[in-house]
Amino acid sequence: AVCDRYIIINHGTLAAEGNLHDLDAGAGQAGI
């Protein structure tokens, strides 16, 4: 609701990052 980008860390390392606009626009992989 608020952010432009996200970063996910796990066990002290960078696990994932990306742009929220791309994610909301369905840039992620489609599936069932």
All heavy atoms as atom14 arrays in JSON, in Angstrom:
{
  "sequence": "AVCDRYIIINHGTLAAEGNLHDLDAGAGQAGI",
  "atom14_mask": [
    [1, 1, 1, 1, 1, 0, 0, 0, 0, 0, 0, 0, 0, 0],
    [1, 1, 1, 1, 1, 1, 1, 0, 0, 0, 0, 0, 0, 0],
    [1, 1, 1, 1, 1, 1, 0, 0, 0, 0, 0, 0, 0, 0],
    [1, 1, 1, 1, 1, 1, 1, 1, 0, 0, 0, 0, 0, 0],
    [1, 1, 1, 1, 1, 1, 1, 1, 1, 1, 1, 0, 0, 0],
    [1, 1, 1, 1, 1, 1, 1, 1, 1, 1, 1, 1, 0, 0],
    [1, 1, 1, 1, 1, 1, 1, 1, 0, 0, 0, 0, 0, 0],
    [1, 1, 1, 1, 1, 1, 1, 1, 0, 0, 0, 0, 0, 0],
    [1, 1, 1, 1, 1, 1, 1, 1, 0, 0, 0, 0, 0, 0],
    [1, 1, 1, 1, 1, 1, 1, 1, 0, 0, 0, 0, 0, 0],
    [1, 1, 1, 1, 1, 1, 1, 1, 1, 1, 0, 0, 0, 0],
    [1, 1, 1, 1, 0, 0, 0, 0, 0, 0, 0, 0, 0, 0],
    [1, 1, 1, 1, 1, 1, 1, 0, 0, 0, 0, 0, 0, 0],
    [1, 1, 1, 1, 1, 1, 1, 1, 0, 0, 0, 0, 0, 0],
    [1, 1, 1, 1, 1, 0, 0, 0, 0, 0, 0, 0, 0, 0],
    [1, 1, 1, 1, 1, 0, 0, 0, 0, 0, 0, 0, 0, 0],
    [1, 1, 1, 1, 1, 1, 1, 1, 1, 0, 0, 0, 0, 0],
    [1, 1, 1, 1, 0, 0, 0, 0, 0, 0, 0, 0, 0, 0],
    [1, 1, 1, 1, 1, 1, 1, 1, 0, 0, 0, 0, 0, 0],
    [1, 1, 1, 1, 1, 1, 1, 1, 0, 0, 0, 0, 0, 0],
    [1, 1, 1, 1, 1, 1, 1, 1, 1, 1, 0, 0, 0, 0],
    [1, 1, 1, 1, 1, 1, 1, 1, 0, 0, 0, 0, 0, 0],
    [1, 1, 1, 1, 1, 1, 1, 1, 0, 0, 0, 0, 0, 0],
    [1, 1, 1, 1, 1, 1, 1, 1, 0, 0, 0, 0, 0, 0],
    [1, 1, 1, 1, 1, 0, 0, 0, 0, 0, 0, 0, 0, 0],
    [1, 1, 1, 1, 0, 0, 0, 0, 0, 0, 0, 0, 0, 0],
    [1, 1, 1, 1, 1, 0, 0, 0, 0, 0, 0, 0, 0, 0],
    [1, 1, 1, 1, 0, 0, 0, 0, 0, 0, 0, 0, 0, 0],
    [1, 1, 1, 1, 1, 1, 1, 1, 1, 0, 0, 0, 0, 0],
    [1, 1, 1, 1, 1, 0, 0, 0, 0, 0, 0, 0, 0, 0],
    [1, 1, 1, 1, 0, 0, 0, 0, 0, 0, 0, 0, 0, 0],
    [1, 1, 1, 1, 1, 1, 1, 1, 0, 0, 0, 0, 0, 0]
  ],
  "atom14_positions": [
    [[0.8, -1.22, 0.0], [0.0, 0.0, 0.0], [0.84, 1.27, 0.0], [0.37, 2.32, -0.47], [-0.93, 0.0, 1.22], [0.0, 0.0, 0.0], [0.0, 0.0, 0.0], [0.0, 0.0, 0.0], [0.0, 0.0, 0.0], [0.0, 0.0, 0.0], [0.0, 0.0, 0.0], [0.0, 0.0, 0.0], [0.0, 0.0, 0.0], [0.0, 0.0, 0.0]],
    [[2.07, 1.2, 0.52], [2.83, 2.42, 0.79], [4.12, 2.52, -0.03], [4.49, 3.62, -0.47], [3.18, 2.5, 2.3], [4.12, 3.66, 2.58], [1.9, 2.63, 3.12], [0.0, 0.0, 0.0], [0.0, 0.0, 0.0], [0.0, 0.0, 0.0], [0.0, 0.0, 0.0], [0.0, 0.0, 0.0], [0.0, 0.0, 0.0], [0.0, 0.0, 0.0]],
    [[4.79, 1.41, -0.28], [6.18, 1.45, -0.76], [6.31, 1.43, -2.29], [5.39, 1.02, -3.01], [6.95, 0.27, -0.17], [7.03, 0.32, 1.63], [0.0, 0.0, 0.0], [0.0, 0.0, 0.0], [0.0, 0.0, 0.0], [0.0, 0.0, 0.0], [0.0, 0.0, 0.0], [0.0, 0.0, 0.0], [0.0, 0.0, 0.0], [0.0, 0.0, 0.0]],
    [[7.48, 1.88, -2.74], [7.83, 1.84, -4.16], [8.6, 0.56, -4.49], [8.39, -0.05, -5.54], [8.71, 3.04, -4.53], [8.07, 4.37, -4.19], [6.91, 4.58, -4.58], [8.73, 5.19, -3.52], [0.0, 0.0, 0.0], [0.0, 0.0, 0.0], [0.0, 0.0, 0.0], [0.0, 0.0, 0.0], [0.0, 0.0, 0.0], [0.0, 0.0, 0.0]],
    [[9.5, 0.17, -3.59], [10.31, -1.03, -3.78], [10.29, -1.86, -2.5], [9.92, -1.37, -1.44], [11.77, -0.67, -4.1], [12.03, -0.24, -5.52], [13.51, -0.37, -5.9], [14.41, 0.24, -4.94], [15.43, -0.39, -4.36], [15.66, -1.67, -4.59], [16.22, 0.25, -3.51], [0.0, 0.0, 0.0], [0.0, 0.0, 0.0], [0.0, 0.0, 0.0]],
    [[10.73, -3.11, -2.61], [10.84, -3.97, -1.44], [12.18, -4.67, -1.45], [12.79, -4.92, -2.5], [9.71, -5.01, -1.41], [9.78, -6.0, -2.55], [10.52, -7.18, -2.44], [9.12, -5.76, -3.75], [10.6, -8.08, -3.48], [9.2, -6.65, -4.81], [9.93, -7.81, -4.67], [10.02, -8.69, -5.71], [0.0, 0.0, 0.0], [0.0, 0.0, 0.0]],
    [[12.66, -4.96, -0.25], [13.84, -5.8, -0.04], [13.48, -6.84, 1.01], [12.86, -6.51, 2.02], [15.05, -4.98, 0.43], [15.69, -4.23, -0.76], [16.11, -5.86, 1.1], [16.84, -3.33, -0.36], [0.0, 0.0, 0.0], [0.0, 0.0, 0.0], [0.0, 0.0, 0.0], [0.0, 0.0, 0.0], [0.0, 0.0, 0.0], [0.0, 0.0, 0.0]],
    [[13.83, -8.09, 0.75], [13.59, -9.17, 1.72], [14.94, -9.73, 2.12], [15.74, -10.12, 1.26], [12.73, -10.29, 1.12], [11.37, -9.74, 0.65], [12.51, -11.41, 2.14], [10.53, -10.74, -0.12], [0.0, 0.0, 0.0], [0.0, 0.0, 0.0], [0.0, 0.0, 0.0], [0.0, 0.0, 0.0], [0.0, 0.0, 0.0], [0.0, 0.0, 0.0]],
    [[15.23, -9.74, 3.43], [16.47, -10.35, 3.9], [16.13, -11.58, 4.73], [15.05, -11.68, 5.33], [17.36, -9.38, 4.69], [16.71, -8.97, 6.02], [17.68, -8.15, 3.86], [17.67, -8.2, 6.93], [0.0, 0.0, 0.0], [0.0, 0.0, 0.0], [0.0, 0.0, 0.0], [0.0, 0.0, 0.0], [0.0, 0.0, 0.0], [0.0, 0.0, 0.0]],
    [[17.05, -12.52, 4.73], [16.86, -13.76, 5.47], [18.24, -14.27, 5.9], [19.17, -14.31, 5.09], [16.16, -14.8, 4.59], [15.68, -16.0, 5.4], [15.29, -15.86, 6.56], [15.7, -17.17, 4.79], [0.0, 0.0, 0.0], [0.0, 0.0, 0.0], [0.0, 0.0, 0.0], [0.0, 0.0, 0.0], [0.0, 0.0, 0.0], [0.0, 0.0, 0.0]],
    [[18.38, -14.6, 7.18], [19.66, -15.08, 7.72], [20.8, -14.11, 7.41], [21.92, -14.51, 7.09], [20.0, -16.47, 7.19], [18.98, -17.52, 7.52], [18.63, -17.82, 8.82], [18.22, -18.32, 6.73], [17.7, -18.77, 8.82], [17.44, -19.09, 7.57], [0.0, 0.0, 0.0], [0.0, 0.0, 0.0], [0.0, 0.0, 0.0], [0.0, 0.0, 0.0]],
    [[20.49, -12.81, 7.45], [21.53, -11.8, 7.3], [22.0, -11.55, 5.89], [23.0, -10.85, 5.68], [0.0, 0.0, 0.0], [0.0, 0.0, 0.0], [0.0, 0.0, 0.0], [0.0, 0.0, 0.0], [0.0, 0.0, 0.0], [0.0, 0.0, 0.0], [0.0, 0.0, 0.0], [0.0, 0.0, 0.0], [0.0, 0.0, 0.0], [0.0, 0.0, 0.0]],
    [[21.31, -12.11, 4.89], [21.68, -11.88, 3.49], [20.46, -11.43, 2.7], [19.32, -11.67, 3.1], [22.25, -13.15, 2.84], [21.26, -14.18, 2.88], [23.5, -13.62, 3.57], [0.0, 0.0, 0.0], [0.0, 0.0, 0.0], [0.0, 0.0, 0.0], [0.0, 0.0, 0.0], [0.0, 0.0, 0.0], [0.0, 0.0, 0.0], [0.0, 0.0, 0.0]],
    [[20.71, -10.79, 1.57], [19.63, -10.33, 0.71], [19.01, -11.53, 0.01], [19.68, -12.26, -0.72], [20.17, -9.33, -0.31], [19.14, -8.65, -1.22], [18.21, -7.77, -0.41], [19.85, -7.83, -2.28], [0.0, 0.0, 0.0], [0.0, 0.0, 0.0], [0.0, 0.0, 0.0], [0.0, 0.0, 0.0], [0.0, 0.0, 0.0], [0.0, 0.0, 0.0]],
    [[17.69, -11.73, 0.23], [17.01, -12.89, -0.36], [16.21, -12.53, -1.6], [16.07, -13.35, -2.5], [16.07, -13.52, 0.69], [0.0, 0.0, 0.0], [0.0, 0.0, 0.0], [0.0, 0.0, 0.0], [0.0, 0.0, 0.0], [0.0, 0.0, 0.0], [0.0, 0.0, 0.0], [0.0, 0.0, 0.0], [0.0, 0.0, 0.0], [0.0, 0.0, 0.0]],
    [[15.69, -11.3, -1.68], [14.9, -10.87, -2.84], [14.74, -9.36, -2.8], [14.78, -8.74, -1.73], [13.53, -11.55, -2.85], [0.0, 0.0, 0.0], [0.0, 0.0, 0.0], [0.0, 0.0, 0.0], [0.0, 0.0, 0.0], [0.0, 0.0, 0.0], [0.0, 0.0, 0.0], [0.0, 0.0, 0.0], [0.0, 0.0, 0.0], [0.0, 0.0, 0.0]],
    [[14.56, -8.77, -3.96], [14.25, -7.34, -4.05], [13.52, -7.09, -5.36], [13.61, -7.87, -6.3], [15.51, -6.48, -3.96], [16.51, -6.67, -5.09], [17.71, -5.76, -4.93], [17.52, -4.58, -4.57], [18.85, -6.23, -5.15], [0.0, 0.0, 0.0], [0.0, 0.0, 0.0], [0.0, 0.0, 0.0], [0.0, 0.0, 0.0], [0.0, 0.0, 0.0]],
    [[12.79, -5.99, -5.4], [12.06, -5.69, -6.62], [11.26, -4.42, -6.51], [11.23, -3.74, -5.48], [0.0, 0.0, 0.0], [0.0, 0.0, 0.0], [0.0, 0.0, 0.0], [0.0, 0.0, 0.0], [0.0, 0.0, 0.0], [0.0, 0.0, 0.0], [0.0, 0.0, 0.0], [0.0, 0.0, 0.0], [0.0, 0.0, 0.0], [0.0, 0.0, 0.0]],
    [[10.56, -4.12, -7.6], [9.74, -2.92, -7.72], [8.29, -3.29, -7.5], [7.77, -4.21, -8.16], [9.96, -2.32, -9.12], [9.31, -0.98, -9.27], [8.1, -0.85, -9.1], [10.09, 0.03, -9.61], [0.0, 0.0, 0.0], [0.0, 0.0, 0.0], [0.0, 0.0, 0.0], [0.0, 0.0, 0.0], [0.0, 0.0, 0.0], [0.0, 0.0, 0.0]],
    [[7.61, -2.61, -6.6], [6.21, -2.92, -6.31], [5.32, -2.65, -7.5], [4.33, -3.35, -7.72], [5.72, -2.12, -5.1], [5.77, -2.79, -3.73], [4.88, -4.02, -3.68], [7.18, -3.16, -3.34], [0.0, 0.0, 0.0], [0.0, 0.0, 0.0], [0.0, 0.0, 0.0], [0.0, 0.0, 0.0], [0.0, 0.0, 0.0], [0.0, 0.0, 0.0]],
    [[5.66, -1.65, -8.3], [4.84, -1.35, -9.48], [4.85, -2.52, -10.46], [3.81, -2.91, -11.0], [5.34, -0.08, -10.18], [4.62, 0.23, -11.45], [3.33, 0.74, -11.47], [4.98, 0.07, -12.76], [2.94, 0.89, -12.72], [3.92, 0.49, -13.52], [0.0, 0.0, 0.0], [0.0, 0.0, 0.0], [0.0, 0.0, 0.0], [0.0, 0.0, 0.0]],
    [[6.02, -3.1, -10.68], [6.12, -4.25, -11.57], [5.34, -5.43, -11.02], [4.67, -6.15, -11.77], [7.59, -4.66, -11.75], [8.38, -3.63, -12.54], [7.75, -2.8, -13.22], [9.62, -3.65, -12.45], [0.0, 0.0, 0.0], [0.0, 0.0, 0.0], [0.0, 0.0, 0.0], [0.0, 0.0, 0.0], [0.0, 0.0, 0.0], [0.0, 0.0, 0.0]],
    [[5.41, -5.62, -9.71], [4.7, -6.74, -9.08], [3.2, -6.56, -9.22], [2.47, -7.49, -9.57], [5.09, -6.83, -7.61], [4.71, -8.1, -6.86], [5.36, -9.32, -7.49], [5.09, -7.98, -5.4], [0.0, 0.0, 0.0], [0.0, 0.0, 0.0], [0.0, 0.0, 0.0], [0.0, 0.0, 0.0], [0.0, 0.0, 0.0], [0.0, 0.0, 0.0]],
    [[2.71, -5.34, -8.93], [1.28, -5.07, -9.03], [0.77, -5.17, -10.46], [-0.38, -5.47, -10.71], [0.97, -3.66, -8.49], [1.18, -3.56, -6.99], [1.18, -4.62, -6.34], [1.35, -2.45, -6.47], [0.0, 0.0, 0.0], [0.0, 0.0, 0.0], [0.0, 0.0, 0.0], [0.0, 0.0, 0.0], [0.0, 0.0, 0.0], [0.0, 0.0, 0.0]],
    [[1.66, -4.88, -11.42], [1.27, -4.94, -12.83], [1.27, -6.37, -13.38], [1.0, -6.6, -14.54], [2.21, -4.08, -13.67], [0.0, 0.0, 0.0], [0.0, 0.0, 0.0], [0.0, 0.0, 0.0], [0.0, 0.0, 0.0], [0.0, 0.0, 0.0], [0.0, 0.0, 0.0], [0.0, 0.0, 0.0], [0.0, 0.0, 0.0], [0.0, 0.0, 0.0]],
    [[1.61, -7.33, -12.49], [1.59, -8.72, -12.91], [2.85, -9.16, -13.61], [2.83, -10.06, -14.45], [0.0, 0.0, 0.0], [0.0, 0.0, 0.0], [0.0, 0.0, 0.0], [0.0, 0.0, 0.0], [0.0, 0.0, 0.0], [0.0, 0.0, 0.0], [0.0, 0.0, 0.0], [0.0, 0.0, 0.0], [0.0, 0.0, 0.0], [0.0, 0.0, 0.0]],
    [[3.99, -8.48, -13.26], [5.23, -8.85, -13.91], [5.76, -10.2, -13.42], [6.63, -10.79, -14.02], [6.29, -7.78, -13.65], [0.0, 0.0, 0.0], [0.0, 0.0, 0.0], [0.0, 0.0, 0.0], [0.0, 0.0, 0.0], [0.0, 0.0, 0.0], [0.0, 0.0, 0.0], [0.0, 0.0, 0.0], [0.0, 0.0, 0.0], [0.0, 0.0, 0.0]],
    [[5.22, -10.68, -12.28], [5.66, -11.97, -11.78], [5.15, -13.1, -12.67], [4.3, -12.91, -13.54], [0.0, 0.0, 0.0], [0.0, 0.0, 0.0], [0.0, 0.0, 0.0], [0.0, 0.0, 0.0], [0.0, 0.0, 0.0], [0.0, 0.0, 0.0], [0.0, 0.0, 0.0], [0.0, 0.0, 0.0], [0.0, 0.0, 0.0], [0.0, 0.0, 0.0]],
    [[5.63, -14.28, -12.45], [5.28, -15.41, -13.29], [3.87, -15.87, -12.99], [3.48, -16.06, -11.85], [6.26, -16.56, -13.03], [6.13, -17.69, -14.04], [7.19, -18.72, -13.83], [7.64, -18.93, -12.71], [7.6, -19.37, -14.9], [0.0, 0.0, 0.0], [0.0, 0.0, 0.0], [0.0, 0.0, 0.0], [0.0, 0.0, 0.0], [0.0, 0.0, 0.0]],
    [[3.07, -16.05, -14.04], [1.68, -16.48, -13.87], [1.64, -17.94, -13.46], [2.56, -18.71, -13.72], [0.91, -16.26, -15.16], [0.0, 0.0, 0.0], [0.0, 0.0, 0.0], [0.0, 0.0, 0.0], [0.0, 0.0, 0.0], [0.0, 0.0, 0.0], [0.0, 0.0, 0.0], [0.0, 0.0, 0.0], [0.0, 0.0, 0.0], [0.0, 0.0, 0.0]],
    [[0.54, -18.34, -12.84], [0.4, -19.71, -12.44], [-1.0, -20.02, -11.98], [-1.92, -19.21, -12.12], [0.0, 0.0, 0.0], [0.0, 0.0, 0.0], [0.0, 0.0, 0.0], [0.0, 0.0, 0.0], [0.0, 0.0, 0.0], [0.0, 0.0, 0.0], [0.0, 0.0, 0.0], [0.0, 0.0, 0.0], [0.0, 0.0, 0.0], [0.0, 0.0, 0.0]],
    [[-1.19, -21.23, -11.46], [-2.46, -21.67, -10.93], [-2.29, -21.96, -9.45], [-1.37, -22.7, -9.05], [-2.95, -22.96, -11.64], [-3.09, -22.72, -13.15], [-4.27, -23.42, -11.05], [-4.21, -21.8, -13.53], [0.0, 0.0, 0.0], [0.0, 0.0, 0.0], [0.0, 0.0, 0.0], [0.0, 0.0, 0.0], [0.0, 0.0, 0.0], [0.0, 0.0, 0.0]]
  ]
}
